[in-house]
Protein backbone atom coordinates (compact mmCIF):
# COMPACT_ATOMS: atom_id res chain seq x y z
CA MET A 1 0.04 -0.06 0.06
CA THR A 2 1.42 3.42 -0.95
CA ASP A 3 0.53 6.62 1.09
CA VAL A 4 0.60 10.00 -0.29
CA VAL A 5 2.43 13.15 1.08
CA ILE A 6 1.39 16.53 -0.09
CA PRO A 7 3.21 19.56 1.24
CA ILE A 8 1.43 22.96 1.06
CA LYS A 9 3.26 26.29 1.17
CA LYS A 10 1.44 28.92 3.32
CA LEU A 11 -0.89 30.40 0.75
CA SER A 12 0.46 33.95 1.58
CA GLN A 13 3.69 32.83 0.28
CA ALA A 14 2.60 30.23 -2.52
CA LYS A 15 3.05 30.92 -6.30
CA GLY A 16 5.22 33.91 -5.70
CA ARG A 17 6.32 33.88 -9.31
CA LEU A 18 2.73 34.22 -10.71
CA ARG A 19 2.51 37.83 -8.72
CA LEU A 20 2.31 39.52 -12.03
CA ASP A 21 -0.53 37.59 -13.24
CA LEU A 22 -2.76 36.96 -10.21
CA SER A 23 -3.33 38.81 -7.25
CA PRO A 24 -2.29 37.65 -3.61
CA ASN A 25 -6.06 36.49 -3.00
CA GLU A 26 -6.09 34.75 -6.46
CA ARG A 27 -3.09 32.89 -6.04
CA ALA A 28 -4.33 31.45 -2.85
CA GLU A 29 -7.67 30.73 -4.43
CA PHE A 30 -5.76 29.04 -7.37
CA VAL A 31 -3.64 26.85 -5.08
CA LEU A 32 -6.68 25.64 -3.35
CA ALA A 33 -8.39 25.09 -6.63
CA MET A 34 -5.41 22.89 -7.99
CA LEU A 35 -5.35 21.07 -4.38
CA HIS A 36 -9.37 20.14 -5.12
CA ASP A 37 -8.23 18.70 -8.45
CA LEU A 38 -5.43 16.69 -7.29
CA LEU A 39 -7.42 15.44 -4.00
CA SER A 40 -10.31 14.48 -6.57
CA THR A 41 -8.17 12.45 -8.68
CA LEU A 42 -6.49 10.55 -5.59
CA GLN A 43 -9.76 9.54 -4.69
CA THR A 44 -10.12 7.57 -7.62
CA CYS A 45 -7.08 5.56 -6.93
CA ASP A 46 -6.29 2.47 -5.00
CA LEU A 47 -3.82 4.25 -2.37
CA GLY A 48 -3.23 4.38 1.31
CA ASP A 49 -3.39 7.52 3.60
CA VAL A 50 -3.21 10.97 2.17
CA TRP A 51 -1.19 13.10 4.33
CA LEU A 52 -1.79 16.84 4.09
CA VAL A 53 1.19 19.10 5.81
CA ALA A 54 -0.17 22.74 5.89
CA THR A 55 -0.41 25.88 8.08
CA ASP A 56 -3.71 27.53 6.70
CA ASP A 57 -6.89 26.57 7.87
CA ALA A 58 -8.56 26.79 4.48
CA VAL A 59 -5.87 24.07 3.09
CA LEU A 60 -6.69 21.83 6.16
CA GLU A 61 -10.21 22.22 5.54
CA GLN A 62 -10.21 21.02 2.08
CA GLY A 63 -8.17 18.45 3.05
CA ALA A 64 -10.56 17.20 5.85
CA HIS A 65 -13.57 17.15 3.22
CA PHE A 66 -11.65 14.73 1.01
CA GLY A 67 -10.65 12.50 4.03
CA ALA A 68 -6.91 13.42 4.11
CA ARG A 69 -4.98 12.99 7.09
CA LEU A 70 -4.09 16.17 8.26
CA ILE A 71 -0.63 17.56 9.86
CA ARG A 72 -0.76 21.13 10.96
CA GLU A 73 2.48 22.92 11.05
CA ASP A 74 2.42 25.60 13.69
CA VAL A 75 5.47 27.44 12.07
CA ALA A 76 6.53 26.88 8.42
CA ASN A 77 10.08 25.87 8.21
CA GLY A 78 10.42 25.26 4.62
CA TYR A 79 9.14 22.94 2.06
CA ASN A 80 11.53 20.00 2.57
CA GLN A 81 10.78 20.01 6.29
CA ALA A 82 7.28 19.79 5.46
CA VAL A 83 7.88 16.87 3.32
CA GLN A 84 9.98 15.31 6.06
CA THR A 85 7.06 15.83 8.55
CA GLY A 86 4.85 13.91 6.38
CA LEU A 87 7.24 11.03 5.47
CA ASN A 88 7.90 10.69 9.33
CA SER A 89 4.27 9.97 9.83
CA VAL A 90 3.96 7.10 7.14
CA ASP A 91 4.29 3.49 8.30
CA PRO A 92 7.56 2.64 7.88
CA ARG A 93 6.46 -0.72 6.20
CA ARG A 94 4.49 1.44 3.51
CA SER A 95 5.65 3.02 0.33
CA VAL A 96 4.96 6.58 -0.18
CA VAL A 97 4.91 9.15 -3.12
CA VAL A 98 5.50 12.94 -2.38
CA LEU A 99 3.19 15.05 -4.60
CA PRO A 100 3.19 19.03 -4.73
CA ALA A 101 -0.07 20.43 -4.84
CA ASP A 102 0.22 22.21 -8.17
CA LEU A 103 -0.31 19.28 -10.35
CA PRO A 104 -4.00 19.90 -11.45
CA LEU A 105 -3.80 17.69 -14.68
CA VAL A 106 -2.69 14.61 -12.84
CA THR A 107 -4.47 11.38 -13.88
CA LYS A 108 -5.39 7.97 -12.15
CA ASP A 109 -3.25 6.07 -14.72
CA ASP A 110 -0.32 8.08 -14.45
CA LEU A 111 -0.54 7.68 -10.44
CA THR A 112 -1.26 3.98 -10.83
CA ARG A 113 2.26 3.64 -12.88
CA LEU A 114 4.23 5.81 -10.46
CA THR A 115 2.94 3.49 -7.27
CA MET A 116 2.86 0.26 -8.87
CA PRO A 117 4.24 -2.46 -6.42
CA CYS A 118 8.07 -3.22 -5.99
CA LYS A 119 10.05 -5.91 -4.31
CA THR A 120 13.19 -4.18 -3.95
CA PRO A 121 14.22 -0.51 -2.44
CA THR A 122 13.00 1.76 -5.05
CA ILE A 123 13.26 5.31 -5.89
CA ARG A 124 11.06 6.48 -8.86
CA VAL A 125 11.44 10.51 -9.82
CA VAL A 126 9.07 12.48 -12.06
CA PRO A 127 10.73 15.38 -13.75
CA ASP A 128 9.20 18.49 -14.69
CA ARG A 129 9.02 19.70 -18.14
CA GLN A 130 12.44 21.33 -17.99
CA LYS A 131 13.72 17.99 -16.46
CA ARG A 132 15.27 20.30 -13.41
CA GLY A 133 12.75 20.09 -10.67
CA THR A 134 10.85 16.93 -9.16
CA ASN A 135 7.14 16.72 -9.63
CA ALA A 136 6.60 13.36 -7.85
CA LEU A 137 9.04 11.50 -5.77
CA PHE A 138 8.05 7.69 -5.23
CA LEU A 139 9.78 5.72 -2.21
CA SER A 140 9.31 2.30 -1.47
CA SER A 141 9.77 3.10 2.18
CA PRO A 142 9.78 6.75 3.77
CA ASP A 143 13.02 6.67 5.08
CA LEU A 144 14.84 5.67 1.88
CA ILE A 145 16.45 9.21 1.48
CA THR A 146 16.31 12.79 2.75
CA PRO A 147 14.06 14.90 0.52
CA VAL A 148 16.00 17.70 -1.26
CA PHE A 149 12.90 19.66 -3.39
CA GLY A 150 13.92 22.88 -4.78
CA ALA A 151 16.57 24.17 -7.64
CA ASN A 152 17.98 21.10 -9.44
CA SER A 153 16.02 18.61 -7.32
CA PHE A 154 15.63 16.08 -10.32
CA PHE A 155 19.48 15.86 -10.10
CA ASN A 156 19.63 16.21 -6.56
CA HIS A 157 17.17 13.26 -6.06
CA GLN A 158 19.25 11.01 -8.41
CA VAL A 159 22.34 11.70 -6.57
CA ALA A 160 20.63 11.16 -2.97
CA ALA A 161 19.68 7.76 -4.35
CA THR A 162 23.15 6.79 -5.45
CA ARG A 163 24.48 7.56 -2.22
CA VAL A 164 22.34 4.95 -0.60
CA GLY A 165 23.17 2.37 -3.24
CA ILE A 166 20.02 2.48 -5.32
CA VAL A 167 19.75 3.76 -8.86
CA SER A 168 16.70 5.89 -9.22
CA LYS A 169 14.20 5.15 -12.08
CA THR A 170 13.32 8.27 -14.02
CA LEU A 171 9.60 8.25 -14.99
CA PRO A 172 8.27 10.99 -17.18
CA LEU A 173 4.54 11.06 -16.90
CA ALA A 174 2.66 13.55 -18.99
CA SER A 175 0.04 14.53 -16.52
CA LEU A 176 2.63 14.93 -13.96
CA ALA A 177 4.89 17.30 -15.87
CA LEU A 178 3.14 20.60 -15.76
CA ASP A 179 3.43 21.97 -12.62
CA VAL A 180 2.14 25.76 -12.58
CA ASP A 181 4.60 28.31 -11.68
CA THR A 182 4.51 31.04 -14.53
CA GLY A 183 2.18 32.96 -16.74
CA ALA A 184 2.97 30.56 -19.44
CA ASP A 185 2.06 27.51 -17.49
CA LEU A 186 -1.21 29.29 -16.79
CA ILE A 187 -1.89 29.65 -20.26
CA ASP A 188 -0.89 26.20 -21.20
CA LEU A 189 -3.40 24.81 -18.38
CA VAL A 190 -6.21 26.99 -19.58
CA ASN A 191 -5.73 25.57 -23.37
CA SER A 192 -5.29 21.73 -22.06
CA GLY A 193 -8.78 20.80 -22.46
CA HIS A 194 -8.96 20.12 -18.43
CA SER A 195 -12.14 21.05 -16.98
CA GLY A 196 -11.22 20.58 -13.18
CA ALA A 197 -11.67 23.24 -10.56
CA SER A 198 -8.43 25.01 -11.53
CA VAL A 199 -9.48 25.88 -15.00
CA ARG A 200 -12.71 26.80 -13.83
CA TYR A 201 -11.06 29.39 -11.49
CA LEU A 202 -9.08 30.99 -13.98
CA ASP A 203 -12.06 31.03 -16.35
CA SER A 204 -14.09 32.57 -13.39
CA ILE A 205 -11.63 35.38 -13.31
CA ALA A 206 -11.13 35.65 -17.04
CA PHE A 207 -7.41 34.92 -16.92
CA GLY A 208 -7.32 34.11 -20.84
CA GLN A 209 -7.95 37.84 -21.21
CA MET A 210 -4.93 38.74 -19.45
CA PRO A 211 -1.71 39.41 -21.10
CA MET A 212 0.98 36.68 -20.42
CA THR A 213 3.91 38.38 -18.31
CA GLU A 214 6.53 35.67 -17.49
CA PRO A 215 8.53 33.35 -19.92
CA LYS A 216 7.61 29.86 -19.80
CA GLY A 217 9.88 27.48 -17.49
CA GLY A 218 10.44 26.93 -13.66
CA VAL A 219 11.61 24.44 -11.22
CA ALA A 220 10.02 22.62 -8.15
């Protein structure tokens, strides 16, 4: 059985790179919409517990609506610490996948591929479209490596795996490739044909009528 850890940055600090495209309140609402899409898809999958690590009441309330197990951070100490807090809560006999909340296009089929059972210590890394960031990290047990999300995390997770004697498996998955960091990513999401909460929210604020202000790209 595979658990899921979803760390959420403080809403007031989330998606800062979209500050030229969305207001602070719009960024917060958009994060909640993307989380709604992710949690909705997770409900269709045969997975274990979903652990949501967050500081904001609005995030925790949404997680509760979907039956997630909630971990409140009284003080946010960075993304990797939030990931580690979630991993520490997972039964060591279970596998786990770490998913950022900004994956509104994720599908059941890709999650099934990502979490397929394994008999040996296994690390699977799903890269972003630039192959710099990590859009999902599968560990056959929650204590295999220390998470190193951030700049160049795709490479850094491979290095961390090598240090513990494991060859990580790169798993490009189309529905997990788009993590929304820039105005160009917002345009790609609007044009994706997706009909989830995140696209409906962008439609509700007429985002498609706004000029694109940032170059495409980004790291997770």
